[in-house]
Amino acid sequence: MTGRLDSAQPYALGLFRIVIGLLFACHGAASLFGVLGGSTVDAGTWPSWYAAVIQLVGGILVLLGLGTRAAAFLSSGSMAYAYFKVHQPEALWPMENGGEAAAIFCWAMLLFVFTGSGAFALDRLFASRSASRQGKEDGADEGAERAPIAA
């Protein structure tokens, strides 16, 4: 049973990344554009507008699995800032201060920093294409080196 679960791990991680990225992007879109029941923040206001931009862009990048570790690192830091500067001064526990989403997003994004993107990610698609090209180039070079020299 453990072997089957272990073999499914990249797919479960990939699906988790897609869901978290989508929810994070929706959170940013709600703040920036007032969609999905959100209210807009004024452009350039600190920190809410910048957080919304990070949420939208970081969420889309994580959703697609493109630059996942870097996008997740920035997103996790943004949510840590949101929790400790905005929510935590109101009360100690997330249930009391309304910071559940910030805490969960912070830890979920931090997980992607260490695990990577999992399956279904554009990072993996580009990496495999790059490795395939590199292998073909290396093979062509090796073949050229091994060719006999005509006298």
N, C-alpha and C. Protein backbone atom coordinates (compact mmCIF):
# COMPACT_ATOMS: atom_id res chain seq x y z
N MET A 1 0.82 -1.19 0.00
CA MET A 1 0.00 0.00 0.00
C MET A 1 0.87 1.26 0.00
N THR A 2 1.92 1.25 0.81
CA THR A 2 2.80 2.41 0.88
C THR A 2 3.47 2.68 -0.46
N GLY A 3 3.84 1.62 -1.17
CA GLY A 3 4.47 1.79 -2.48
C GLY A 3 3.56 2.49 -3.47
N ARG A 4 2.30 2.13 -3.47
CA ARG A 4 1.35 2.79 -4.38
C ARG A 4 1.15 4.25 -4.00
N LEU A 5 1.03 4.50 -2.72
CA LEU A 5 0.87 5.89 -2.28
C LEU A 5 2.11 6.71 -2.61
N ASP A 6 3.29 6.14 -2.42
CA ASP A 6 4.53 6.84 -2.75
C ASP A 6 4.63 7.15 -4.24
N SER A 7 4.19 6.21 -5.07
CA SER A 7 4.27 6.44 -6.51
C SER A 7 3.27 7.51 -6.97
N ALA A 8 2.21 7.73 -6.20
CA ALA A 8 1.21 8.75 -6.54
C ALA A 8 1.57 10.12 -5.97
N GLN A 9 2.62 10.19 -5.17
CA GLN A 9 2.96 11.44 -4.49
C GLN A 9 3.16 12.62 -5.43
N PRO A 10 3.90 12.50 -6.54
CA PRO A 10 4.06 13.66 -7.42
C PRO A 10 2.73 14.16 -7.99
N TYR A 11 1.80 13.24 -8.24
CA TYR A 11 0.50 13.64 -8.79
C TYR A 11 -0.35 14.34 -7.73
N ALA A 12 -0.33 13.82 -6.51
CA ALA A 12 -1.07 14.47 -5.42
C ALA A 12 -0.48 15.86 -5.15
N LEU A 13 0.84 15.97 -5.16
CA LEU A 13 1.49 17.26 -4.95
C LEU A 13 1.15 18.22 -6.09
N GLY A 14 1.14 17.73 -7.31
CA GLY A 14 0.78 18.56 -8.45
C GLY A 14 -0.64 19.08 -8.36
N LEU A 15 -1.58 18.21 -7.99
CA LEU A 15 -2.97 18.64 -7.83
C LEU A 15 -3.12 19.63 -6.67
N PHE A 16 -2.40 19.39 -5.57
CA PHE A 16 -2.42 20.32 -4.44
C PHE A 16 -1.89 21.68 -4.87
N ARG A 17 -0.80 21.69 -5.65
CA ARG A 17 -0.23 22.94 -6.14
C ARG A 17 -1.22 23.68 -7.02
N ILE A 18 -1.92 22.98 -7.89
CA ILE A 18 -2.90 23.61 -8.77
C ILE A 18 -4.02 24.26 -7.96
N VAL A 19 -4.55 23.54 -6.98
CA VAL A 19 -5.65 24.07 -6.16
C VAL A 19 -5.19 25.28 -5.34
N ILE A 20 -4.05 25.16 -4.68
CA ILE A 20 -3.55 26.27 -3.86
C ILE A 20 -3.23 27.48 -4.75
N GLY A 21 -2.60 27.25 -5.90
CA GLY A 21 -2.31 28.36 -6.81
C GLY A 21 -3.56 29.05 -7.30
N LEU A 22 -4.59 28.27 -7.65
CA LEU A 22 -5.85 28.84 -8.10
C LEU A 22 -6.52 29.67 -7.00
N LEU A 23 -6.59 29.12 -5.81
CA LEU A 23 -7.20 29.86 -4.70
C LEU A 23 -6.43 31.13 -4.36
N PHE A 24 -5.11 31.04 -4.41
CA PHE A 24 -4.27 32.20 -4.11
C PHE A 24 -4.46 33.28 -5.17
N ALA A 25 -4.50 32.88 -6.44
CA ALA A 25 -4.72 33.83 -7.53
C ALA A 25 -6.10 34.47 -7.43
N CYS A 26 -7.10 33.68 -7.08
CA CYS A 26 -8.46 34.22 -6.91
C CYS A 26 -8.49 35.25 -5.78
N HIS A 27 -7.76 34.99 -4.72
CA HIS A 27 -7.68 35.93 -3.60
C HIS A 27 -7.10 37.27 -4.08
N GLY A 28 -6.05 37.20 -4.89
CA GLY A 28 -5.45 38.43 -5.43
C GLY A 28 -6.36 39.12 -6.42
N ALA A 29 -7.03 38.36 -7.29
CA ALA A 29 -7.95 38.94 -8.28
C ALA A 29 -9.12 39.63 -7.58
N ALA A 30 -9.60 39.04 -6.50
CA ALA A 30 -10.70 39.65 -5.75
C ALA A 30 -10.29 41.01 -5.19
N SER A 31 -9.07 41.10 -4.70
CA SER A 31 -8.60 42.37 -4.14
C SER A 31 -8.26 43.40 -5.20
N LEU A 32 -7.74 42.96 -6.32
CA LEU A 32 -7.34 43.90 -7.38
C LEU A 32 -8.50 44.36 -8.25
N PHE A 33 -9.42 43.42 -8.56
CA PHE A 33 -10.46 43.72 -9.54
C PHE A 33 -11.87 43.70 -8.98
N GLY A 34 -12.02 43.35 -7.72
CA GLY A 34 -13.34 43.32 -7.12
C GLY A 34 -14.21 42.17 -7.59
N VAL A 35 -13.62 41.15 -8.18
CA VAL A 35 -14.37 39.99 -8.65
C VAL A 35 -14.53 38.98 -7.53
N LEU A 36 -15.39 38.00 -7.74
CA LEU A 36 -15.58 36.89 -6.80
C LEU A 36 -16.00 37.37 -5.40
N GLY A 37 -16.73 38.46 -5.36
CA GLY A 37 -17.22 38.97 -4.09
C GLY A 37 -16.22 39.81 -3.32
N GLY A 38 -15.09 40.13 -3.90
CA GLY A 38 -14.09 40.92 -3.21
C GLY A 38 -14.30 42.41 -3.41
N SER A 39 -13.63 43.17 -2.59
CA SER A 39 -13.65 44.62 -2.76
C SER A 39 -12.25 45.07 -3.15
N THR A 40 -12.18 46.05 -4.04
CA THR A 40 -10.89 46.47 -4.58
C THR A 40 -10.11 47.30 -3.57
N VAL A 41 -8.81 47.23 -3.72
CA VAL A 41 -7.92 48.08 -2.94
C VAL A 41 -7.37 49.15 -3.88
N ASP A 42 -7.07 50.30 -3.34
CA ASP A 42 -6.54 51.39 -4.16
C ASP A 42 -5.14 51.03 -4.65
N ALA A 43 -4.88 51.34 -5.92
CA ALA A 43 -3.59 51.03 -6.53
C ALA A 43 -2.46 51.72 -5.77
N GLY A 44 -1.42 50.96 -5.48
CA GLY A 44 -0.23 51.50 -4.85
C GLY A 44 -0.29 51.61 -3.33
N THR A 45 -1.41 51.25 -2.70
CA THR A 45 -1.48 51.36 -1.24
C THR A 45 -0.68 50.24 -0.59
N TRP A 46 0.05 50.61 0.45
CA TRP A 46 0.89 49.65 1.17
C TRP A 46 0.13 49.15 2.37
N PRO A 47 0.17 47.88 2.63
CA PRO A 47 0.72 46.75 1.90
C PRO A 47 -0.32 46.02 1.05
N SER A 48 -1.59 46.43 1.14
CA SER A 48 -2.66 45.63 0.56
C SER A 48 -2.57 45.48 -0.96
N TRP A 49 -2.26 46.55 -1.68
CA TRP A 49 -2.20 46.44 -3.14
C TRP A 49 -1.02 45.56 -3.57
N TYR A 50 0.11 45.74 -2.94
CA TYR A 50 1.30 44.93 -3.28
C TYR A 50 1.05 43.45 -2.94
N ALA A 51 0.38 43.20 -1.83
CA ALA A 51 0.05 41.82 -1.46
C ALA A 51 -0.88 41.21 -2.51
N ALA A 52 -1.84 41.99 -2.98
CA ALA A 52 -2.78 41.48 -3.99
C ALA A 52 -2.06 41.15 -5.30
N VAL A 53 -1.10 41.98 -5.68
CA VAL A 53 -0.33 41.70 -6.90
C VAL A 53 0.48 40.42 -6.72
N ILE A 54 1.11 40.27 -5.57
CA ILE A 54 1.88 39.05 -5.29
C ILE A 54 0.94 37.84 -5.31
N GLN A 55 -0.24 37.99 -4.75
CA GLN A 55 -1.19 36.89 -4.72
C GLN A 55 -1.63 36.50 -6.13
N LEU A 56 -1.94 37.47 -6.96
CA LEU A 56 -2.39 37.17 -8.31
C LEU A 56 -1.27 36.56 -9.16
N VAL A 57 -0.14 37.22 -9.21
CA VAL A 57 0.97 36.74 -10.04
C VAL A 57 1.57 35.46 -9.46
N GLY A 58 1.83 35.45 -8.16
CA GLY A 58 2.38 34.25 -7.52
C GLY A 58 1.44 33.07 -7.64
N GLY A 59 0.15 33.33 -7.47
CA GLY A 59 -0.84 32.25 -7.60
C GLY A 59 -0.88 31.67 -9.00
N ILE A 60 -0.82 32.53 -10.00
CA ILE A 60 -0.82 32.05 -11.39
C ILE A 60 0.44 31.24 -11.68
N LEU A 61 1.58 31.72 -11.23
CA LEU A 61 2.84 30.99 -11.46
C LEU A 61 2.83 29.63 -10.75
N VAL A 62 2.34 29.60 -9.52
CA VAL A 62 2.26 28.34 -8.79
C VAL A 62 1.25 27.41 -9.46
N LEU A 63 0.12 27.96 -9.85
CA LEU A 63 -0.91 27.17 -10.55
C LEU A 63 -0.33 26.49 -11.79
N LEU A 64 0.42 27.24 -12.57
CA LEU A 64 1.01 26.70 -13.80
C LEU A 64 2.25 25.85 -13.54
N GLY A 65 2.83 25.99 -12.36
CA GLY A 65 4.06 25.27 -12.08
C GLY A 65 5.24 25.87 -12.82
N LEU A 66 5.26 27.18 -12.88
CA LEU A 66 6.30 27.90 -13.62
C LEU A 66 7.08 28.77 -12.63
N GLY A 67 8.34 28.44 -12.40
CA GLY A 67 9.11 29.15 -11.39
C GLY A 67 8.51 28.94 -10.02
N THR A 68 8.05 27.72 -9.78
CA THR A 68 7.26 27.41 -8.59
C THR A 68 7.98 27.76 -7.30
N ARG A 69 9.22 27.34 -7.16
CA ARG A 69 9.92 27.56 -5.88
C ARG A 69 10.10 29.04 -5.58
N ALA A 70 10.49 29.83 -6.57
CA ALA A 70 10.69 31.26 -6.35
C ALA A 70 9.35 31.97 -6.07
N ALA A 71 8.33 31.64 -6.87
CA ALA A 71 7.01 32.26 -6.68
C ALA A 71 6.44 31.87 -5.32
N ALA A 72 6.62 30.62 -4.92
CA ALA A 72 6.11 30.16 -3.63
C ALA A 72 6.87 30.81 -2.48
N PHE A 73 8.16 31.02 -2.64
CA PHE A 73 8.95 31.67 -1.59
C PHE A 73 8.46 33.10 -1.36
N LEU A 74 8.29 33.85 -2.42
CA LEU A 74 7.79 35.22 -2.31
C LEU A 74 6.37 35.24 -1.74
N SER A 75 5.54 34.32 -2.20
CA SER A 75 4.15 34.26 -1.73
C SER A 75 4.08 33.88 -0.26
N SER A 76 4.90 32.94 0.15
CA SER A 76 4.93 32.53 1.55
C SER A 76 5.36 33.69 2.45
N GLY A 77 6.37 34.41 2.03
CA GLY A 77 6.82 35.57 2.80
C GLY A 77 5.77 36.64 2.88
N SER A 78 5.05 36.85 1.80
CA SER A 78 3.97 37.83 1.79
C SER A 78 2.88 37.45 2.79
N MET A 79 2.56 36.18 2.85
CA MET A 79 1.52 35.73 3.78
C MET A 79 2.01 35.74 5.22
N ALA A 80 3.29 35.47 5.44
CA ALA A 80 3.84 35.58 6.79
C ALA A 80 3.76 37.03 7.27
N TYR A 81 4.12 37.95 6.38
CA TYR A 81 4.01 39.38 6.71
C TYR A 81 2.56 39.74 7.03
N ALA A 82 1.63 39.28 6.19
CA ALA A 82 0.21 39.57 6.40
C ALA A 82 -0.25 39.05 7.75
N TYR A 83 0.17 37.84 8.08
CA TYR A 83 -0.27 37.28 9.35
C TYR A 83 0.28 38.06 10.54
N PHE A 84 1.59 38.29 10.55
CA PHE A 84 2.20 38.90 11.73
C PHE A 84 1.98 40.40 11.85
N LYS A 85 1.82 41.10 10.74
CA LYS A 85 1.63 42.55 10.79
C LYS A 85 0.16 42.97 10.79
N VAL A 86 -0.69 42.19 10.13
CA VAL A 86 -2.10 42.59 10.00
C VAL A 86 -2.99 41.81 10.98
N HIS A 87 -2.85 40.50 11.03
CA HIS A 87 -3.76 39.68 11.81
C HIS A 87 -3.33 39.46 13.25
N GLN A 88 -2.09 39.07 13.47
CA GLN A 88 -1.64 38.69 14.80
C GLN A 88 -1.77 39.79 15.84
N PRO A 89 -1.59 41.08 15.52
CA PRO A 89 -1.78 42.10 16.54
C PRO A 89 -3.22 42.18 17.08
N GLU A 90 -4.18 41.64 16.33
CA GLU A 90 -5.57 41.66 16.78
C GLU A 90 -5.84 40.62 17.88
N ALA A 91 -5.19 39.47 17.77
CA ALA A 91 -5.35 38.39 18.75
C ALA A 91 -4.28 37.34 18.47
N LEU A 92 -4.05 36.44 19.43
CA LEU A 92 -2.99 35.45 19.29
C LEU A 92 -3.32 34.36 18.27
N TRP A 93 -4.51 33.80 18.31
CA TRP A 93 -4.85 32.65 17.49
C TRP A 93 -5.51 33.05 16.18
N PRO A 94 -5.20 32.33 15.09
CA PRO A 94 -5.79 32.65 13.78
C PRO A 94 -7.32 32.65 13.79
N MET A 95 -7.94 31.78 14.56
CA MET A 95 -9.40 31.75 14.64
C MET A 95 -9.94 33.04 15.26
N GLU A 96 -9.17 33.66 16.09
CA GLU A 96 -9.61 34.89 16.75
C GLU A 96 -9.30 36.14 15.92
N ASN A 97 -8.22 36.10 15.13
CA ASN A 97 -7.78 37.31 14.43
C ASN A 97 -8.10 37.31 12.94
N GLY A 98 -8.77 36.28 12.43
CA GLY A 98 -9.13 36.23 11.02
C GLY A 98 -7.96 35.90 10.09
N GLY A 99 -6.90 35.35 10.63
CA GLY A 99 -5.71 35.09 9.84
C GLY A 99 -5.55 33.66 9.37
N GLU A 100 -6.65 32.87 9.36
CA GLU A 100 -6.52 31.47 8.94
C GLU A 100 -6.00 31.35 7.53
N ALA A 101 -6.56 32.11 6.61
CA ALA A 101 -6.14 32.01 5.20
C ALA A 101 -4.67 32.39 5.05
N ALA A 102 -4.24 33.46 5.72
CA ALA A 102 -2.84 33.88 5.63
C ALA A 102 -1.92 32.79 6.17
N ALA A 103 -2.28 32.18 7.29
CA ALA A 103 -1.45 31.13 7.88
C ALA A 103 -1.39 29.90 6.98
N ILE A 104 -2.53 29.47 6.47
CA ILE A 104 -2.55 28.28 5.63
C ILE A 104 -1.80 28.52 4.33
N PHE A 105 -2.04 29.67 3.68
CA PHE A 105 -1.32 29.97 2.44
C PHE A 105 0.18 30.05 2.68
N CYS A 106 0.57 30.66 3.79
CA CYS A 106 2.00 30.78 4.12
C CYS A 106 2.64 29.41 4.19
N TRP A 107 2.04 28.48 4.92
CA TRP A 107 2.63 27.15 5.09
C TRP A 107 2.53 26.31 3.83
N ALA A 108 1.44 26.44 3.08
CA ALA A 108 1.31 25.68 1.83
C ALA A 108 2.36 26.13 0.83
N MET A 109 2.55 27.44 0.70
CA MET A 109 3.56 27.95 -0.23
C MET A 109 4.97 27.57 0.22
N LEU A 110 5.20 27.59 1.52
CA LEU A 110 6.51 27.18 2.02
C LEU A 110 6.78 25.71 1.70
N LEU A 111 5.76 24.89 1.72
CA LEU A 111 5.91 23.49 1.34
C LEU A 111 6.42 23.36 -0.09
N PHE A 112 5.88 24.17 -1.01
CA PHE A 112 6.32 24.11 -2.41
C PHE A 112 7.76 24.55 -2.58
N VAL A 113 8.24 25.42 -1.71
CA VAL A 113 9.64 25.83 -1.78
C VAL A 113 10.54 24.60 -1.60
N PHE A 114 10.15 23.70 -0.72
CA PHE A 114 10.98 22.53 -0.42
C PHE A 114 10.67 21.32 -1.28
N THR A 115 9.43 21.18 -1.74
CA THR A 115 9.06 19.99 -2.51
C THR A 115 9.13 20.19 -4.01
N GLY A 116 9.06 21.42 -4.46
CA GLY A 116 8.99 21.68 -5.89
C GLY A 116 7.55 21.59 -6.36
N SER A 117 7.38 21.46 -7.65
CA SER A 117 6.05 21.61 -8.24
C SER A 117 5.25 20.32 -8.35
N GLY A 118 5.88 19.16 -8.27
CA GLY A 118 5.14 17.93 -8.47
C GLY A 118 4.81 17.72 -9.94
N ALA A 119 3.83 16.90 -10.20
CA ALA A 119 3.44 16.59 -11.58
C ALA A 119 2.62 17.72 -12.18
N PHE A 120 2.40 17.66 -13.46
CA PHE A 120 1.55 18.59 -14.21
C PHE A 120 2.09 20.02 -14.20
N ALA A 121 3.38 20.22 -14.13
CA ALA A 121 3.96 21.56 -14.05
C ALA A 121 4.69 21.92 -15.33
N LEU A 122 4.60 23.18 -15.71
CA LEU A 122 5.33 23.65 -16.88
C LEU A 122 6.83 23.58 -16.66
N ASP A 123 7.28 23.75 -15.43
CA ASP A 123 8.71 23.62 -15.12
C ASP A 123 9.24 22.27 -15.60
N ARG A 124 8.50 21.22 -15.32
CA ARG A 124 8.94 19.87 -15.70
C ARG A 124 8.91 19.69 -17.21
N LEU A 125 7.90 20.26 -17.85
CA LEU A 125 7.81 20.18 -19.31
C LEU A 125 9.01 20.85 -19.96
N PHE A 126 9.33 22.05 -19.51
CA PHE A 126 10.47 22.77 -20.07
C PHE A 126 11.78 22.07 -19.73
N ALA A 127 11.90 21.52 -18.52
CA ALA A 127 13.12 20.82 -18.12
C ALA A 127 13.32 19.57 -18.96
N SER A 128 12.25 18.84 -19.24
CA SER A 128 12.41 17.62 -20.04
C SER A 128 12.76 17.96 -21.48
N ARG A 129 12.18 19.03 -22.02
CA ARG A 129 12.54 19.45 -23.38
C ARG A 129 13.99 19.90 -23.44
N SER A 130 14.41 20.64 -22.42
CA SER A 130 15.79 21.11 -22.37
C SER A 130 16.75 19.92 -22.26
N ALA A 131 16.41 18.95 -21.42
CA ALA A 131 17.27 17.78 -21.27
C ALA A 131 17.30 16.97 -22.56
N SER A 132 16.16 16.89 -23.23
CA SER A 132 16.10 16.16 -24.50
C SER A 132 16.99 16.84 -25.54
N ARG A 133 16.91 18.15 -25.63
CA ARG A 133 17.77 18.88 -26.58
C ARG A 133 19.23 18.72 -26.22
N GLN A 134 19.52 18.82 -24.92
CA GLN A 134 20.91 18.69 -24.47
C GLN A 134 21.44 17.31 -24.80
N GLY A 135 20.62 16.29 -24.60
CA GLY A 135 21.04 14.93 -24.92
C GLY A 135 21.30 14.75 -26.40
N LYS A 136 20.47 15.35 -27.24
CA LYS A 136 20.67 15.25 -28.69
C LYS A 136 21.94 15.98 -29.10
N GLU A 137 22.18 17.15 -28.51
CA GLU A 137 23.39 17.91 -28.83
C GLU A 137 24.63 17.16 -28.38
N ASP A 138 24.56 16.58 -27.17
CA ASP A 138 25.71 15.81 -26.67
C ASP A 138 25.95 14.59 -27.54
N GLY A 139 24.88 13.93 -27.96
CA GLY A 139 25.01 12.76 -28.83
C GLY A 139 25.61 13.13 -30.18
N ALA A 140 25.22 14.27 -30.73
CA ALA A 140 25.76 14.71 -32.02
C ALA A 140 27.23 15.04 -31.89
N ASP A 141 27.60 15.68 -30.78
CA ASP A 141 29.00 16.03 -30.58
C ASP A 141 29.86 14.77 -30.40
N GLU A 142 29.32 13.79 -29.63
CA GLU A 142 30.08 12.57 -29.40
C GLU A 142 30.27 11.81 -30.71
N GLY A 143 29.22 11.79 -31.54
CA GLY A 143 29.30 11.11 -32.82
C GLY A 143 30.34 11.76 -33.72
N ALA A 144 30.42 13.07 -33.68
CA ALA A 144 31.38 13.77 -34.50
C ALA A 144 32.81 13.49 -34.03
N GLU A 145 32.98 13.35 -32.72
CA GLU A 145 34.31 13.08 -32.20
C GLU A 145 34.77 11.67 -32.54
N ARG A 146 33.81 10.74 -32.67
CA ARG A 146 34.16 9.34 -32.90
C ARG A 146 34.30 9.02 -34.39
N ALA A 147 33.90 9.92 -35.24
CA ALA A 147 33.96 9.66 -36.69
C ALA A 147 35.43 9.52 -37.10
N PRO A 148 35.71 8.53 -37.95
CA PRO A 148 37.10 8.38 -38.40
C PRO A 148 37.50 9.54 -39.29
N ILE A 149 38.75 9.86 -39.23
CA ILE A 149 39.28 10.97 -40.04
C ILE A 149 39.76 10.39 -41.36
N ALA A 150 39.22 10.93 -42.43
CA ALA A 150 39.62 10.45 -43.76
C ALA A 150 40.97 11.06 -44.13
N ALA A 151 41.84 10.25 -44.70
CA ALA A 151 43.16 10.73 -45.07
C ALA A 151 43.25 11.09 -46.51
